[in-house]
């Protein structure tokens, strides 16, 4: 079954991640190319984009690719982040900023 519509996701990353992302981007590109997903690193905007191609055969892979770039933008090492493309792996980002009473103490401990 062919996917007729192109889907894409874009995730912003902080400036301090730029150097690392430039270094590991060939690894990310290779991993996503095997799944039929194209990816783009835009250092001017500070964004990463993933999109389906005509070679994409797994309809759920675009969500896994989105999770991959989310993990990379949140300082997960590329070796760990690429594992999300495996069917048995899942990830959850838990935002803990709103779970604390004392914001200053939370920032200091972080």
PDB file of N, CA and C in Angstrom:
ATOM      1  N   UNK A   1       0.823  -1.207   0.000  1.00  0.00           N
ATOM      2  CA  UNK A   1       0.000   0.000   0.000  1.00  0.00           C
ATOM      3  C   UNK A   1       0.861   1.262   0.000  1.00  0.00           C
ATOM      4  N   UNK A   2       0.560   2.144  -0.908  1.00  0.00           N
ATOM      5  CA  UNK A   2       1.296   3.396  -0.999  1.00  0.00           C
ATOM      6  C   UNK A   2       0.641   4.469  -0.141  1.00  0.00           C
ATOM      7  N   UNK A   3       1.455   5.341   0.397  1.00  0.00           N
ATOM      8  CA  UNK A   3       0.948   6.472   1.160  1.00  0.00           C
ATOM      9  C   UNK A   3       0.796   7.635   0.186  1.00  0.00           C
ATOM     10  N   UNK A   4      -0.423   8.151   0.065  1.00  0.00           N
ATOM     11  CA  UNK A   4      -0.699   9.175  -0.936  1.00  0.00           C
ATOM     12  C   UNK A   4      -0.379  10.584  -0.450  1.00  0.00           C
ATOM     13  N   UNK A   5      -0.660  10.870   0.806  1.00  0.00           N
ATOM     14  CA  UNK A   5      -0.405  12.190   1.354  1.00  0.00           C
ATOM     15  C   UNK A   5       0.987  12.258   1.981  1.00  0.00           C
ATOM     16  N   UNK A   6       1.621  13.421   1.870  1.00  0.00           N
ATOM     17  CA  UNK A   6       2.907  13.604   2.559  1.00  0.00           C
ATOM     18  C   UNK A   6       2.639  14.175   3.940  1.00  0.00           C
ATOM     19  N   UNK A   7       3.207  13.533   4.942  1.00  0.00           N
ATOM     20  CA  UNK A   7       3.099  14.021   6.316  1.00  0.00           C
ATOM     21  C   UNK A   7       4.468  14.519   6.749  1.00  0.00           C
ATOM     22  N   UNK A   8       4.469  15.574   7.545  1.00  0.00           N
ATOM     23  CA  UNK A   8       5.748  16.059   8.046  1.00  0.00           C
ATOM     24  C   UNK A   8       5.571  16.664   9.436  1.00  0.00           C
ATOM     25  N   UNK A   9       6.661  16.627  10.199  1.00  0.00           N
ATOM     26  CA  UNK A   9       6.692  17.209  11.534  1.00  0.00           C
ATOM     27  C   UNK A   9       7.960  18.031  11.668  1.00  0.00           C
ATOM     28  N   UNK A  10       7.855  19.119  12.414  1.00  0.00           N
ATOM     29  CA  UNK A  10       8.992  19.993  12.640  1.00  0.00           C
ATOM     30  C   UNK A  10       9.155  20.207  14.141  1.00  0.00           C
ATOM     31  N   UNK A  11      10.390  20.107  14.626  1.00  0.00           N
ATOM     32  CA  UNK A  11      10.686  20.298  16.046  1.00  0.00           C
ATOM     33  C   UNK A  11      11.834  21.296  16.165  1.00  0.00           C
ATOM     34  N   UNK A  12      11.679  22.268  17.052  1.00  0.00           N
ATOM     35  CA  UNK A  12      12.745  23.244  17.298  1.00  0.00           C
ATOM     36  C   UNK A  12      13.737  22.674  18.304  1.00  0.00           C
ATOM     37  N   UNK A  13      14.985  23.095  18.194  1.00  0.00           N
ATOM     38  CA  UNK A  13      16.000  22.658  19.158  1.00  0.00           C
ATOM     39  C   UNK A  13      16.770  23.867  19.678  1.00  0.00           C
ATOM     40  N   UNK A  14      17.289  23.782  20.924  1.00  0.00           N
ATOM     41  CA  UNK A  14      18.036  24.913  21.486  1.00  0.00           C
ATOM     42  C   UNK A  14      19.379  25.117  20.789  1.00  0.00           C
ATOM     43  N   UNK A  15      19.872  26.329  20.844  1.00  0.00           N
ATOM     44  CA  UNK A  15      21.115  26.710  20.147  1.00  0.00           C
ATOM     45  C   UNK A  15      22.303  25.835  20.575  1.00  0.00           C
ATOM     46  N   UNK A  16      22.371  25.470  21.873  1.00  0.00           N
ATOM     47  CA  UNK A  16      23.528  24.706  22.347  1.00  0.00           C
ATOM     48  C   UNK A  16      23.554  23.278  21.796  1.00  0.00           C
ATOM     49  N   UNK A  17      22.467  22.799  21.203  1.00  0.00           N
ATOM     50  CA  UNK A  17      22.426  21.447  20.619  1.00  0.00           C
ATOM     51  C   UNK A  17      22.929  21.431  19.177  1.00  0.00           C
ATOM     52  N   UNK A  18      23.098  22.601  18.581  1.00  0.00           N
ATOM     53  CA  UNK A  18      23.426  22.689  17.156  1.00  0.00           C
ATOM     54  C   UNK A  18      24.703  21.928  16.786  1.00  0.00           C
ATOM     55  N   UNK A  19      25.760  22.124  17.556  1.00  0.00           N
ATOM     56  CA  UNK A  19      27.052  21.483  17.242  1.00  0.00           C
ATOM     57  C   UNK A  19      26.920  19.961  17.262  1.00  0.00           C
ATOM     58  N   UNK A  20      26.281  19.426  18.299  1.00  0.00           N
ATOM     59  CA  UNK A  20      26.104  17.975  18.410  1.00  0.00           C
ATOM     60  C   UNK A  20      25.240  17.447  17.267  1.00  0.00           C
ATOM     61  N   UNK A  21      24.153  18.136  16.970  1.00  0.00           N
ATOM     62  CA  UNK A  21      23.249  17.672  15.911  1.00  0.00           C
ATOM     63  C   UNK A  21      23.938  17.666  14.546  1.00  0.00           C
ATOM     64  N   UNK A  22      24.779  18.657  14.294  1.00  0.00           N
ATOM     65  CA  UNK A  22      25.536  18.668  13.025  1.00  0.00           C
ATOM     66  C   UNK A  22      26.441  17.438  12.925  1.00  0.00           C
ATOM     67  N   UNK A  23      27.055  17.065  14.053  1.00  0.00           N
ATOM     68  CA  UNK A  23      27.969  15.918  14.064  1.00  0.00           C
ATOM     69  C   UNK A  23      27.231  14.603  13.803  1.00  0.00           C
ATOM     70  N   UNK A  24      26.065  14.431  14.405  1.00  0.00           N
ATOM     71  CA  UNK A  24      25.372  13.139  14.330  1.00  0.00           C
ATOM     72  C   UNK A  24      24.321  13.072  13.223  1.00  0.00           C
ATOM     73  N   UNK A  25      24.098  14.166  12.507  1.00  0.00           N
ATOM     74  CA  UNK A  25      23.040  14.196  11.502  1.00  0.00           C
ATOM     75  C   UNK A  25      23.183  13.114  10.421  1.00  0.00           C
ATOM     76  N   UNK A  26      24.403  12.778   9.955  1.00  0.00           N
ATOM     77  CA  UNK A  26      24.519  11.678   8.980  1.00  0.00           C
ATOM     78  C   UNK A  26      23.974  10.349   9.516  1.00  0.00           C
ATOM     79  N   UNK A  27      24.150  10.082  10.809  1.00  0.00           N
ATOM     80  CA  UNK A  27      23.627   8.858  11.420  1.00  0.00           C
ATOM     81  C   UNK A  27      22.100   8.877  11.413  1.00  0.00           C
ATOM     82  N   UNK A  28      21.532  10.029  11.745  1.00  0.00           N
ATOM     83  CA  UNK A  28      20.074  10.190  11.766  1.00  0.00           C
ATOM     84  C   UNK A  28      19.513  10.018  10.359  1.00  0.00           C
ATOM     85  N   UNK A  29      20.145  10.661   9.383  1.00  0.00           N
ATOM     86  CA  UNK A  29      19.700  10.583   7.992  1.00  0.00           C
ATOM     87  C   UNK A  29      19.712   9.138   7.496  1.00  0.00           C
ATOM     88  N   UNK A  30      20.782   8.413   7.802  1.00  0.00           N
ATOM     89  CA  UNK A  30      20.909   7.018   7.361  1.00  0.00           C
ATOM     90  C   UNK A  30      19.810   6.152   7.979  1.00  0.00           C
ATOM     91  N   UNK A  31      19.566   6.329   9.280  1.00  0.00           N
ATOM     92  CA  UNK A  31      18.554   5.525   9.967  1.00  0.00           C
ATOM     93  C   UNK A  31      17.158   5.794   9.407  1.00  0.00           C
ATOM     94  N   UNK A  32      16.863   7.059   9.131  1.00  0.00           N
ATOM     95  CA  UNK A  32      15.538   7.404   8.618  1.00  0.00           C
ATOM     96  C   UNK A  32      15.377   7.036   7.145  1.00  0.00           C
ATOM     97  N   UNK A  33      16.475   7.094   6.386  1.00  0.00           N
ATOM     98  CA  UNK A  33      16.412   6.751   4.962  1.00  0.00           C
ATOM     99  C   UNK A  33      16.042   5.272   4.780  1.00  0.00           C
ATOM    100  N   UNK A  34      16.531   4.429   5.695  1.00  0.00           N
ATOM    101  CA  UNK A  34      16.194   3.003   5.640  1.00  0.00           C
ATOM    102  C   UNK A  34      14.694   2.776   5.827  1.00  0.00           C
ATOM    103  N   UNK A  35      14.032   3.690   6.518  1.00  0.00           N
ATOM    104  CA  UNK A  35      12.587   3.591   6.771  1.00  0.00           C
ATOM    105  C   UNK A  35      11.771   4.336   5.720  1.00  0.00           C
ATOM    106  N   UNK A  36      12.441   5.006   4.789  1.00  0.00           N
ATOM    107  CA  UNK A  36      11.742   5.758   3.755  1.00  0.00           C
ATOM    108  C   UNK A  36      11.267   7.122   4.227  1.00  0.00           C
ATOM    109  N   UNK A  37      11.985   7.721   5.162  1.00  0.00           N
ATOM    110  CA  UNK A  37      11.617   9.038   5.688  1.00  0.00           C
ATOM    111  C   UNK A  37      12.763  10.004   5.405  1.00  0.00           C
ATOM    112  N   UNK A  38      12.417  11.192   4.900  1.00  0.00           N
ATOM    113  CA  UNK A  38      13.467  12.198   4.665  1.00  0.00           C
ATOM    114  C   UNK A  38      13.517  13.142   5.858  1.00  0.00           C
ATOM    115  N   UNK A  39      14.714  13.669   6.111  1.00  0.00           N
ATOM    116  CA  UNK A  39      14.881  14.570   7.254  1.00  0.00           C
ATOM    117  C   UNK A  39      15.744  15.755   6.839  1.00  0.00           C
ATOM    118  N   UNK A  40      15.519  16.852   7.543  1.00  0.00           N
ATOM    119  CA  UNK A  40      16.237  18.080   7.219  1.00  0.00           C
ATOM    120  C   UNK A  40      16.609  18.798   8.509  1.00  0.00           C
ATOM    121  N   UNK A  41      17.849  19.260   8.568  1.00  0.00           N
ATOM    122  CA  UNK A  41      18.340  20.024   9.712  1.00  0.00           C
ATOM    123  C   UNK A  41      18.516  21.476   9.260  1.00  0.00           C
ATOM    124  N   UNK A  42      17.758  22.381   9.864  1.00  0.00           N
ATOM    125  CA  UNK A  42      17.840  23.793   9.516  1.00  0.00           C
ATOM    126  C   UNK A  42      18.445  24.540  10.703  1.00  0.00           C
ATOM    127  N   UNK A  43      19.734  24.858  10.603  1.00  0.00           N
ATOM    128  CA  UNK A  43      20.416  25.509  11.724  1.00  0.00           C
ATOM    129  C   UNK A  43      20.113  27.003  11.796  1.00  0.00           C
ATOM    130  N   UNK A  44      19.628  27.589  10.713  1.00  0.00           N
ATOM    131  CA  UNK A  44      19.273  29.007  10.722  1.00  0.00           C
ATOM    132  C   UNK A  44      18.030  29.210  11.607  1.00  0.00           C
ATOM    133  N   UNK A  45      17.005  28.371  11.375  1.00  0.00           N
ATOM    134  CA  UNK A  45      15.778  28.450  12.178  1.00  0.00           C
ATOM    135  C   UNK A  45      15.912  27.704  13.499  1.00  0.00           C
ATOM    136  N   UNK A  46      16.878  26.787  13.573  1.00  0.00           N
ATOM    137  CA  UNK A  46      17.007  25.940  14.753  1.00  0.00           C
ATOM    138  C   UNK A  46      15.924  24.880  14.781  1.00  0.00           C
ATOM    139  N   UNK A  47      15.700  24.230  13.632  1.00  0.00           N
ATOM    140  CA  UNK A  47      14.628  23.243  13.553  1.00  0.00           C
ATOM    141  C   UNK A  47      15.079  21.971  12.832  1.00  0.00           C
ATOM    142  N   UNK A  48      14.403  20.884  13.159  1.00  0.00           N
ATOM    143  CA  UNK A  48      14.577  19.604  12.473  1.00  0.00           C
ATOM    144  C   UNK A  48      13.219  19.212  11.905  1.00  0.00           C
ATOM    145  N   UNK A  49      13.202  18.712  10.669  1.00  0.00           N
ATOM    146  CA  UNK A  49      11.950  18.326  10.024  1.00  0.00           C
ATOM    147  C   UNK A  49      12.076  16.905   9.499  1.00  0.00           C
ATOM    148  N   UNK A  50      11.026  16.119   9.697  1.00  0.00           N
ATOM    149  CA  UNK A  50      10.944  14.788   9.093  1.00  0.00           C
ATOM    150  C   UNK A  50       9.689  14.737   8.234  1.00  0.00           C
ATOM    151  N   UNK A  51       9.756  14.011   7.117  1.00  0.00           N
ATOM    152  CA  UNK A  51       8.609  13.920   6.212  1.00  0.00           C
ATOM    153  C   UNK A  51       8.606  12.564   5.518  1.00  0.00           C
ATOM    154  N   UNK A  52       7.416  12.110   5.173  1.00  0.00           N
ATOM    155  CA  UNK A  52       7.298  10.846   4.435  1.00  0.00           C
ATOM    156  C   UNK A  52       7.712  11.076   2.987  1.00  0.00           C
ATOM    157  N   UNK A  53       8.098   9.986   2.319  1.00  0.00           N
ATOM    158  CA  UNK A  53       8.455  10.035   0.896  1.00  0.00           C
ATOM    159  C   UNK A  53       7.622   8.991   0.175  1.00  0.00           C
ATOM    160  N   UNK A  54       7.828   8.867  -1.112  1.00  0.00           N
ATOM    161  CA  UNK A  54       7.116   7.827  -1.880  1.00  0.00           C
ATOM    162  C   UNK A  54       7.574   6.417  -1.479  1.00  0.00           C
ATOM    163  N   UNK A  55       8.779   6.333  -0.894  1.00  0.00           N
ATOM    164  CA  UNK A  55       9.317   5.036  -0.492  1.00  0.00           C
ATOM    165  C   UNK A  55       8.870   4.611   0.901  1.00  0.00           C
ATOM    166  N   UNK A  56       8.131   5.476   1.602  1.00  0.00           N
ATOM    167  CA  UNK A  56       7.648   5.153   2.947  1.00  0.00           C
ATOM    168  C   UNK A  56       6.598   4.062   2.838  1.00  0.00           C
ATOM    169  N   UNK A  57       6.822   2.958   3.540  1.00  0.00           N
ATOM    170  CA  UNK A  57       5.865   1.843   3.473  1.00  0.00           C
ATOM    171  C   UNK A  57       5.129   1.626   4.788  1.00  0.00           C
ATOM    172  N   UNK A  58       5.723   2.044   5.913  1.00  0.00           N
ATOM    173  CA  UNK A  58       5.094   1.892   7.221  1.00  0.00           C
ATOM    174  C   UNK A  58       4.388   3.199   7.588  1.00  0.00           C
ATOM    175  N   UNK A  59       3.054   3.186   7.702  1.00  0.00           N
ATOM    176  CA  UNK A  59       2.345   4.437   7.978  1.00  0.00           C
ATOM    177  C   UNK A  59       2.638   5.025   9.351  1.00  0.00           C
ATOM    178  N   UNK A  60       3.071   4.202  10.311  1.00  0.00           N
ATOM    179  CA  UNK A  60       3.312   4.688  11.675  1.00  0.00           C
ATOM    180  C   UNK A  60       4.718   5.251  11.852  1.00  0.00           C
ATOM    181  N   UNK A  61       5.594   5.043  10.860  1.00  0.00           N
ATOM    182  CA  UNK A  61       7.001   5.423  11.002  1.00  0.00           C
ATOM    183  C   UNK A  61       7.166   6.939  11.133  1.00  0.00           C
ATOM    184  N   UNK A  62       6.250   7.723  10.586  1.00  0.00           N
ATOM    185  CA  UNK A  62       6.383   9.182  10.688  1.00  0.00           C
ATOM    186  C   UNK A  62       6.256   9.637  12.137  1.00  0.00           C
ATOM    187  N   UNK A  63       5.438   8.942  12.936  1.00  0.00           N
ATOM    188  CA  UNK A  63       5.308   9.288  14.352  1.00  0.00           C
ATOM    189  C   UNK A  63       6.572   8.896  15.115  1.00  0.00           C
ATOM    190  N   UNK A  64       7.159   7.781  14.731  1.00  0.00           N
ATOM    191  CA  UNK A  64       8.418   7.365  15.356  1.00  0.00           C
ATOM    192  C   UNK A  64       9.540   8.331  14.981  1.00  0.00           C
ATOM    193  N   UNK A  65       9.537   8.802  13.744  1.00  0.00           N
ATOM    194  CA  UNK A  65      10.536   9.786  13.306  1.00  0.00           C
ATOM    195  C   UNK A  65      10.352  11.099  14.065  1.00  0.00           C
ATOM    196  N   UNK A  66       9.088  11.487  14.301  1.00  0.00           N
ATOM    197  CA  UNK A  66       8.811  12.694  15.096  1.00  0.00           C
ATOM    198  C   UNK A  66       9.359  12.533  16.512  1.00  0.00           C
ATOM    199  N   UNK A  67       9.133  11.341  17.112  1.00  0.00           N
ATOM    200  CA  UNK A  67       9.660  11.079  18.454  1.00  0.00           C
ATOM    201  C   UNK A  67      11.189  11.129  18.463  1.00  0.00           C
ATOM    202  N   UNK A  68      11.801  10.623  17.389  1.00  0.00           N
ATOM    203  CA  UNK A  68      13.262  10.637  17.280  1.00  0.00           C
ATOM    204  C   UNK A  68      13.796  12.067  17.331  1.00  0.00           C
ATOM    205  N   UNK A  69      13.232  12.977  16.535  1.00  0.00           N
ATOM    206  CA  UNK A  69      13.757  14.344  16.540  1.00  0.00           C
ATOM    207  C   UNK A  69      13.395  15.067  17.836  1.00  0.00           C
ATOM    208  N   UNK A  70      12.280  14.691  18.462  1.00  0.00           N
ATOM    209  CA  UNK A  70      11.944  15.270  19.782  1.00  0.00           C
ATOM    210  C   UNK A  70      12.990  14.871  20.813  1.00  0.00           C
ATOM    211  N   UNK A  71      13.371  13.590  20.799  1.00  0.00           N
ATOM    212  CA  UNK A  71      14.379  13.111  21.746  1.00  0.00           C
ATOM    213  C   UNK A  71      15.725  13.790  21.508  1.00  0.00           C
ATOM    214  N   UNK A  72      16.099  13.940  20.243  1.00  0.00           N
ATOM    215  CA  UNK A  72      17.368  14.598  19.920  1.00  0.00           C
ATOM    216  C   UNK A  72      17.362  16.062  20.382  1.00  0.00           C
ATOM    217  N   UNK A  73      16.218  16.726  20.251  1.00  0.00           N
ATOM    218  CA  UNK A  73      16.155  18.133  20.674  1.00  0.00           C
ATOM    219  C   UNK A  73      16.203  18.265  22.187  1.00  0.00           C
ATOM    220  N   UNK A  74      15.904  17.180  22.897  1.00  0.00           N
ATOM    221  CA  UNK A  74      15.914  17.200  24.358  1.00  0.00           C
ATOM    222  C   UNK A  74      17.154  16.511  24.932  1.00  0.00           C
ATOM    223  N   UNK A  75      18.241  16.520  24.202  1.00  0.00           N
ATOM    224  CA  UNK A  75      19.563  16.072  24.661  1.00  0.00           C
ATOM    225  C   UNK A  75      19.694  14.570  24.897  1.00  0.00           C
ATOM    226  N   UNK A  76      18.918  13.767  24.195  1.00  0.00           N
ATOM    227  CA  UNK A  76      19.107  12.323  24.247  1.00  0.00           C
ATOM    228  C   UNK A  76      20.222  11.962  23.265  1.00  0.00           C
ATOM    229  N   UNK A  77      21.196  11.124  23.675  1.00  0.00           N
ATOM    230  CA  UNK A  77      22.261  10.724  22.742  1.00  0.00           C
ATOM    231  C   UNK A  77      21.674   9.996  21.525  1.00  0.00           C
ATOM    232  N   UNK A  78      22.295  10.183  20.375  1.00  0.00           N
ATOM    233  CA  UNK A  78      21.750   9.629  19.129  1.00  0.00           C
ATOM    234  C   UNK A  78      21.659   8.100  19.171  1.00  0.00           C
ATOM    235  N   UNK A  79      22.599   7.441  19.849  1.00  0.00           N
ATOM    236  CA  UNK A  79      22.572   5.975  19.942  1.00  0.00           C
ATOM    237  C   UNK A  79      21.303   5.497  20.650  1.00  0.00           C
ATOM    238  N   UNK A  80      20.866   6.239  21.660  1.00  0.00           N
ATOM    239  CA  UNK A  80      19.630   5.892  22.375  1.00  0.00           C
ATOM    240  C   UNK A  80      18.401   6.305  21.574  1.00  0.00           C
ATOM    241  N   UNK A  81      18.448   7.490  20.979  1.00  0.00           N
ATOM    242  CA  UNK A  81      17.290   8.039  20.273  1.00  0.00           C
ATOM    243  C   UNK A  81      16.902   7.207  19.055  1.00  0.00           C
ATOM    244  N   UNK A  82      17.889   6.663  18.340  1.00  0.00           N
ATOM    245  CA  UNK A  82      17.604   5.887  17.128  1.00  0.00           C
ATOM    246  C   UNK A  82      16.838   4.604  17.458  1.00  0.00           C
ATOM    247  N   UNK A  83      16.956   4.129  18.691  1.00  0.00           N
ATOM    248  CA  UNK A  83      16.238   2.911  19.103  1.00  0.00           C
ATOM    249  C   UNK A  83      14.723   3.082  19.026  1.00  0.00           C
ATOM    250  N   UNK A  84      14.231   4.321  19.029  1.00  0.00           N
ATOM    251  CA  UNK A  84      12.793   4.571  18.991  1.00  0.00           C
ATOM    252  C   UNK A  84      12.184   4.110  17.668  1.00  0.00           C
ATOM    253  N   UNK A  85      13.002   3.973  16.635  1.00  0.00           N
ATOM    254  CA  UNK A  85      12.496   3.504  15.341  1.00  0.00           C
ATOM    255  C   UNK A  85      12.144   2.020  15.368  1.00  0.00           C
ATOM    256  N   UNK A  86      12.614   1.316  16.391  1.00  0.00           N
ATOM    257  CA  UNK A  86      12.291  -0.097  16.558  1.00  0.00           C
ATOM    258  C   UNK A  86      10.845  -0.226  17.040  1.00  0.00           C
ATOM    259  N   UNK A  87      10.142  -1.261  16.570  1.00  0.00           N
ATOM    260  CA  UNK A  87       8.724  -1.439  16.933  1.00  0.00           C
ATOM    261  C   UNK A  87       8.501  -1.692  18.419  1.00  0.00           C
ATOM    262  N   UNK A  88       9.466  -2.288  19.094  1.00  0.00           N
ATOM    263  CA  UNK A  88       9.277  -2.616  20.510  1.00  0.00           C
ATOM    264  C   UNK A  88       9.577  -1.445  21.447  1.00  0.00           C
ATOM    265  N   UNK A  89      10.061  -0.323  20.914  1.00  0.00           N
ATOM    266  CA  UNK A  89      10.434   0.816  21.750  1.00  0.00           C
ATOM    267  C   UNK A  89       9.365   1.898  21.724  1.00  0.00           C
ATOM    268  N   UNK A  90       9.225   2.561  22.868  1.00  0.00           N
ATOM    269  CA  UNK A  90       8.330   3.711  22.986  1.00  0.00           C
ATOM    270  C   UNK A  90       9.023   4.766  23.821  1.00  0.00           C
ATOM    271  N   UNK A  91       8.525   5.982  23.757  1.00  0.00           N
ATOM    272  CA  UNK A  91       9.075   7.031  24.609  1.00  0.00           C
ATOM    273  C   UNK A  91       7.958   7.935  25.090  1.00  0.00           C
ATOM    274  N   UNK A  92       8.196   8.559  26.201  1.00  0.00           N
ATOM    275  CA  UNK A  92       7.281   9.548  26.752  1.00  0.00           C
ATOM    276  C   UNK A  92       8.102  10.692  27.308  1.00  0.00           C
ATOM    277  N   UNK A  93       7.727  11.899  26.988  1.00  0.00           N
ATOM    278  CA  UNK A  93       8.380  13.069  27.555  1.00  0.00           C
ATOM    279  C   UNK A  93       7.463  13.586  28.652  1.00  0.00           C
ATOM    280  N   UNK A  94       7.965  13.570  29.867  1.00  0.00           N
ATOM    281  CA  UNK A  94       7.178  14.024  31.008  1.00  0.00           C
ATOM    282  C   UNK A  94       7.681  15.400  31.412  1.00  0.00           C
ATOM    283  N   UNK A  95       6.821  16.378  31.326  1.00  0.00           N
ATOM    284  CA  UNK A  95       7.193  17.742  31.692  1.00  0.00           C
ATOM    285  C   UNK A  95       7.005  17.896  33.190  1.00  0.00           C
ATOM    286  N   UNK A  96       8.109  18.082  33.902  1.00  0.00           N
ATOM    287  CA  UNK A  96       8.055  18.127  35.362  1.00  0.00           C
ATOM    288  C   UNK A  96       8.042  19.539  35.916  1.00  0.00           C
ATOM    289  N   UNK A  97       8.094  20.529  35.042  1.00  0.00           N
ATOM    290  CA  UNK A  97       8.126  21.918  35.487  1.00  0.00           C
ATOM    291  C   UNK A  97       6.907  22.332  36.294  1.00  0.00           C
ATOM    292  N   UNK A  98       5.732  21.828  35.928  1.00  0.00           N
ATOM    293  CA  UNK A  98       4.511  22.222  36.622  1.00  0.00           C
ATOM    294  C   UNK A  98       4.189  21.377  37.835  1.00  0.00           C
ATOM    295  N   UNK A  99       5.019  20.382  38.132  1.00  0.00           N
ATOM    296  CA  UNK A  99       4.740  19.469  39.237  1.00  0.00           C
ATOM    297  C   UNK A  99       5.337  19.923  40.568  1.00  0.00           C
ATOM    298  N   UNK A 100       6.024  21.037  40.569  1.00  0.00           N
ATOM    299  CA  UNK A 100       6.721  21.457  41.790  1.00  0.00           C
ATOM    300  C   UNK A 100       6.050  22.673  42.418  1.00  0.00           C
ATOM    301  N   UNK A 101       6.188  22.786  43.747  1.00  0.00           N
ATOM    302  CA  UNK A 101       5.628  23.942  44.464  1.00  0.00           C
ATOM    303  C   UNK A 101       6.575  25.131  44.383  1.00  0.00           C
ATOM    304  N   UNK A 102       7.858  24.849  44.648  1.00  0.00           N
ATOM    305  CA  UNK A 102       8.840  25.919  44.724  1.00  0.00           C
ATOM    306  C   UNK A 102       9.668  25.960  43.441  1.00  0.00           C
ATOM    307  N   UNK A 103       9.328  26.899  42.574  1.00  0.00           N
ATOM    308  CA  UNK A 103       9.968  26.979  41.255  1.00  0.00           C
ATOM    309  C   UNK A 103      11.474  27.263  41.357  1.00  0.00           C
ATOM    310  N   UNK A 104      11.879  28.162  42.265  1.00  0.00           N
ATOM    311  CA  UNK A 104      13.314  28.499  42.375  1.00  0.00           C
ATOM    312  C   UNK A 104      14.135  27.289  42.812  1.00  0.00           C
ATOM    313  N   UNK A 105      13.605  26.528  43.750  1.00  0.00           N
ATOM    314  CA  UNK A 105      14.320  25.346  44.228  1.00  0.00           C
ATOM    315  C   UNK A 105      14.448  24.313  43.096  1.00  0.00           C
ATOM    316  N   UNK A 106      13.406  24.180  42.312  1.00  0.00           N
ATOM    317  CA  UNK A 106      13.428  23.243  41.182  1.00  0.00           C
ATOM    318  C   UNK A 106      14.505  23.628  40.182  1.00  0.00           C
ATOM    319  N   UNK A 107      14.581  24.907  39.852  1.00  0.00           N
ATOM    320  CA  UNK A 107      15.572  25.395  38.881  1.00  0.00           C
ATOM    321  C   UNK A 107      16.986  25.163  39.395  1.00  0.00           C
ATOM    322  N   UNK A 108      17.218  25.382  40.707  1.00  0.00           N
ATOM    323  CA  UNK A 108      18.539  25.177  41.288  1.00  0.00           C
ATOM    324  C   UNK A 108      18.947  23.712  41.230  1.00  0.00           C
ATOM    325  N   UNK A 109      18.015  22.818  41.465  1.00  0.00           N
ATOM    326  CA  UNK A 109      18.331  21.378  41.488  1.00  0.00           C
ATOM    327  C   UNK A 109      18.522  20.799  40.103  1.00  0.00           C
ATOM    328  N   UNK A 110      17.963  21.453  39.114  1.00  0.00           N
ATOM    329  CA  UNK A 110      18.046  20.946  37.767  1.00  0.00           C
ATOM    330  C   UNK A 110      19.436  21.078  37.317  1.00  0.00           C
TER     331      UNK A 110
END
